[in-house]
C-alpha atoms as a PDB file:
ATOM      1  CA  UNK A   1     -49.132 -55.035  49.566  1.00  0.00           C
ATOM      2  CA  UNK A   2     -50.593 -58.016  51.355  1.00  0.00           C
ATOM      3  CA  UNK A   3     -53.985 -59.112  52.567  1.00  0.00           C
ATOM      4  CA  UNK A   4     -53.545 -60.225  56.179  1.00  0.00           C
ATOM      5  CA  UNK A   5     -56.018 -62.060  58.388  1.00  0.00           C
ATOM      6  CA  UNK A   6     -55.497 -61.295  62.098  1.00  0.00           C
ATOM      7  CA  UNK A   7     -57.242 -63.703  64.479  1.00  0.00           C
ATOM      8  CA  UNK A   8     -57.278 -62.075  67.921  1.00  0.00           C
ATOM      9  CA  UNK A   9     -59.846 -61.718  70.721  1.00  0.00           C
ATOM     10  CA  UNK A  10     -58.274 -58.712  72.467  1.00  0.00           C
ATOM     11  CA  UNK A  11     -59.580 -55.442  71.012  1.00  0.00           C
ATOM     12  CA  UNK A  12     -56.568 -53.411  72.199  1.00  0.00           C
ATOM     13  CA  UNK A  13     -54.142 -55.790  70.452  1.00  0.00           C
ATOM     14  CA  UNK A  14     -56.366 -55.824  67.356  1.00  0.00           C
ATOM     15  CA  UNK A  15     -56.394 -52.023  67.127  1.00  0.00           C
ATOM     16  CA  UNK A  16     -52.608 -51.750  67.524  1.00  0.00           C
ATOM     17  CA  UNK A  17     -51.761 -54.414  64.937  1.00  0.00           C
ATOM     18  CA  UNK A  18     -54.375 -53.043  62.514  1.00  0.00           C
ATOM     19  CA  UNK A  19     -52.891 -49.566  62.790  1.00  0.00           C
ATOM     20  CA  UNK A  20     -49.326 -50.801  62.223  1.00  0.00           C
ATOM     21  CA  UNK A  21     -50.233 -52.997  59.250  1.00  0.00           C
ATOM     22  CA  UNK A  22     -52.495 -50.453  57.566  1.00  0.00           C
ATOM     23  CA  UNK A  23     -49.797 -47.798  57.921  1.00  0.00           C
ATOM     24  CA  UNK A  24     -47.416 -50.232  56.194  1.00  0.00           C
ATOM     25  CA  UNK A  25     -49.909 -50.493  53.307  1.00  0.00           C
ATOM     26  CA  UNK A  26     -51.563 -53.833  54.062  1.00  0.00           C
ATOM     27  CA  UNK A  27     -55.225 -54.776  53.995  1.00  0.00           C
ATOM     28  CA  UNK A  28     -56.289 -56.241  57.344  1.00  0.00           C
ATOM     29  CA  UNK A  29     -59.107 -58.761  57.821  1.00  0.00           C
ATOM     30  CA  UNK A  30     -60.116 -59.516  61.397  1.00  0.00           C
ATOM     31  CA  UNK A  31     -61.762 -62.316  63.351  1.00  0.00           C
ATOM     32  CA  UNK A  32     -62.127 -62.769  67.123  1.00  0.00           C
ATOM     33  CA  UNK A  33     -62.391 -66.566  67.456  1.00  0.00           C
ATOM     34  CA  UNK A  34     -60.505 -69.556  66.113  1.00  0.00           C
ATOM     35  CA  UNK A  35     -63.529 -71.061  64.343  1.00  0.00           C
ATOM     36  CA  UNK A  36     -64.459 -67.747  62.676  1.00  0.00           C
ATOM     37  CA  UNK A  37     -60.809 -67.356  61.674  1.00  0.00           C
ATOM     38  CA  UNK A  38     -60.693 -70.749  59.993  1.00  0.00           C
ATOM     39  CA  UNK A  39     -63.899 -69.993  58.101  1.00  0.00           C
ATOM     40  CA  UNK A  40     -62.647 -66.525  57.063  1.00  0.00           C
ATOM     41  CA  UNK A  41     -59.297 -67.929  55.903  1.00  0.00           C
ATOM     42  CA  UNK A  42     -61.095 -70.579  53.823  1.00  0.00           C
ATOM     43  CA  UNK A  43     -63.448 -68.020  52.282  1.00  0.00           C
ATOM     44  CA  UNK A  44     -61.127 -64.996  51.767  1.00  0.00           C
ATOM     45  CA  UNK A  45     -57.789 -66.710  51.120  1.00  0.00           C
ATOM     46  CA  UNK A  46     -55.478 -64.150  52.753  1.00  0.00           C
ATOM     47  CA  UNK A  47     -51.805 -63.819  51.847  1.00  0.00           C
ATOM     48  CA  UNK A  48     -50.753 -64.215  55.477  1.00  0.00           C
ATOM     49  CA  UNK A  49     -52.407 -65.094  58.795  1.00  0.00           C
ATOM     50  CA  UNK A  50     -51.478 -63.703  62.187  1.00  0.00           C
ATOM     51  CA  UNK A  51     -52.759 -66.086  64.851  1.00  0.00           C
ATOM     52  CA  UNK A  52     -53.240 -65.443  68.546  1.00  0.00           C
ATOM     53  CA  UNK A  53     -52.831 -68.676  70.510  1.00  0.00           C
ATOM     54  CA  UNK A  54     -55.284 -67.972  73.369  1.00  0.00           C
ATOM     55  CA  UNK A  55     -58.724 -67.694  71.753  1.00  0.00           C
ATOM     56  CA  UNK A  56     -62.162 -68.154  73.354  1.00  0.00           C
ATOM     57  CA  UNK A  57     -63.353 -71.241  71.400  1.00  0.00           C
ATOM     58  CA  UNK A  58     -60.638 -73.382  69.838  1.00  0.00           C
ATOM     59  CA  UNK A  59     -57.102 -72.153  70.494  1.00  0.00           C
ATOM     60  CA  UNK A  60     -54.840 -70.782  67.786  1.00  0.00           C
ATOM     61  CA  UNK A  61     -52.871 -74.028  67.531  1.00  0.00           C
ATOM     62  CA  UNK A  62     -56.050 -76.009  66.761  1.00  0.00           C
ATOM     63  CA  UNK A  63     -57.174 -73.284  64.303  1.00  0.00           C
ATOM     64  CA  UNK A  64     -53.769 -73.520  62.597  1.00  0.00           C
ATOM     65  CA  UNK A  65     -54.042 -77.309  62.334  1.00  0.00           C
ATOM     66  CA  UNK A  66     -57.501 -76.961  60.754  1.00  0.00           C
ATOM     67  CA  UNK A  67     -56.259 -74.386  58.234  1.00  0.00           C
ATOM     68  CA  UNK A  68     -53.408 -76.735  57.288  1.00  0.00           C
ATOM     69  CA  UNK A  69     -56.042 -79.327  56.258  1.00  0.00           C
ATOM     70  CA  UNK A  70     -57.764 -77.002  53.714  1.00  0.00           C
ATOM     71  CA  UNK A  71     -56.057 -77.621  50.343  1.00  0.00           C
ATOM     72  CA  UNK A  72     -56.318 -74.136  48.809  1.00  0.00           C
ATOM     73  CA  UNK A  73     -54.899 -72.328  51.897  1.00  0.00           C
ATOM     74  CA  UNK A  74     -52.719 -75.008  53.464  1.00  0.00           C
ATOM     75  CA  UNK A  75     -49.533 -73.221  52.331  1.00  0.00           C
ATOM     76  CA  UNK A  76     -50.611 -69.756  53.502  1.00  0.00           C
ATOM     77  CA  UNK A  77     -47.979 -68.509  55.987  1.00  0.00           C
ATOM     78  CA  UNK A  78     -49.227 -68.439  59.576  1.00  0.00           C
ATOM     79  CA  UNK A  79     -47.424 -66.455  62.230  1.00  0.00           C
ATOM     80  CA  UNK A  80     -48.240 -67.066  65.898  1.00  0.00           C
ATOM     81  CA  UNK A  81     -48.536 -63.665  67.570  1.00  0.00           C
ATOM     82  CA  UNK A  82     -48.963 -64.480  71.237  1.00  0.00           C
ATOM     83  CA  UNK A  83     -48.313 -63.616  74.862  1.00  0.00           C
ATOM     84  CA  UNK A  84     -47.320 -67.250  75.367  1.00  0.00           C
ATOM     85  CA  UNK A  85     -43.578 -66.644  75.620  1.00  0.00           C
ATOM     86  CA  UNK A  86     -42.531 -69.445  77.946  1.00  0.00           C
ATOM     87  CA  UNK A  87     -39.856 -72.007  77.105  1.00  0.00           C
ATOM     88  CA  UNK A  88     -41.337 -74.440  74.580  1.00  0.00           C
ATOM     89  CA  UNK A  89     -44.192 -72.173  73.342  1.00  0.00           C
ATOM     90  CA  UNK A  90     -42.362 -71.315  70.116  1.00  0.00           C
ATOM     91  CA  UNK A  91     -41.805 -75.020  69.433  1.00  0.00           C
ATOM     92  CA  UNK A  92     -45.480 -75.845  70.132  1.00  0.00           C
ATOM     93  CA  UNK A  93     -46.559 -73.166  67.646  1.00  0.00           C
ATOM     94  CA  UNK A  94     -44.174 -74.450  64.964  1.00  0.00           C
ATOM     95  CA  UNK A  95     -45.223 -78.076  65.576  1.00  0.00           C
ATOM     96  CA  UNK A  96     -48.898 -77.057  65.146  1.00  0.00           C
ATOM     97  CA  UNK A  97     -48.090 -75.726  61.677  1.00  0.00           C
ATOM     98  CA  UNK A  98     -47.173 -72.080  62.253  1.00  0.00           C
ATOM     99  CA  UNK A  99     -44.380 -70.814  60.058  1.00  0.00           C
ATOM    100  CA  UNK A 100     -43.184 -68.174  62.494  1.00  0.00           C
ATOM    101  CA  UNK A 101     -43.615 -66.896  66.008  1.00  0.00           C
ATOM    102  CA  UNK A 102     -43.722 -63.376  67.496  1.00  0.00           C
ATOM    103  CA  UNK A 103     -44.090 -62.841  71.252  1.00  0.00           C
ATOM    104  CA  UNK A 104     -46.328 -60.031  72.544  1.00  0.00           C
ATOM    105  CA  UNK A 105     -45.915 -57.223  73.116  1.00  0.00           C
ATOM    106  CA  UNK A 106     -44.543 -56.953  69.587  1.00  0.00           C
ATOM    107  CA  UNK A 107     -42.655 -53.939  68.322  1.00  0.00           C
ATOM    108  CA  UNK A 108     -43.768 -52.141  65.198  1.00  0.00           C
ATOM    109  CA  UNK A 109     -40.398 -52.854  63.555  1.00  0.00           C
ATOM    110  CA  UNK A 110     -40.490 -56.601  64.318  1.00  0.00           C
ATOM    111  CA  UNK A 111     -44.082 -57.002  63.136  1.00  0.00           C
ATOM    112  CA  UNK A 112     -43.517 -55.181  59.844  1.00  0.00           C
ATOM    113  CA  UNK A 113     -40.225 -57.025  59.238  1.00  0.00           C
ATOM    114  CA  UNK A 114     -41.740 -60.465  59.807  1.00  0.00           C
ATOM    115  CA  UNK A 115     -44.847 -59.721  57.764  1.00  0.00           C
ATOM    116  CA  UNK A 116     -42.758 -58.423  54.853  1.00  0.00           C
ATOM    117  CA  UNK A 117     -40.400 -61.412  55.075  1.00  0.00           C
ATOM    118  CA  UNK A 118     -43.285 -63.885  54.713  1.00  0.00           C
ATOM    119  CA  UNK A 119     -45.055 -61.909  52.010  1.00  0.00           C
ATOM    120  CA  UNK A 120     -41.865 -61.667  49.894  1.00  0.00           C
END
């Protein structure tokens, strides 16, 4: 299956998503800040990145923009997985370079379906 980097600062969300993805057969890499996530993506070259938008250092949109500037991972799919579900938030995520958008709380079925769609 896929190698997925999840960049998320909330431990409860991290645990839930890890459990869902591992049960679906994926390897899960984890980082808690935007800067650490960019570095990990550059170093480990995941197949897919799940990006929280609200992070403690740089936000997920800035982290996405930085990843898009790194040649060997610039085409890695990035899905915004965020509690920012107001009008216009989806568009902001897509403009920043995210390929998809999932609002929290996310269902197991939606998460697995989107991950498998982008890994296909």
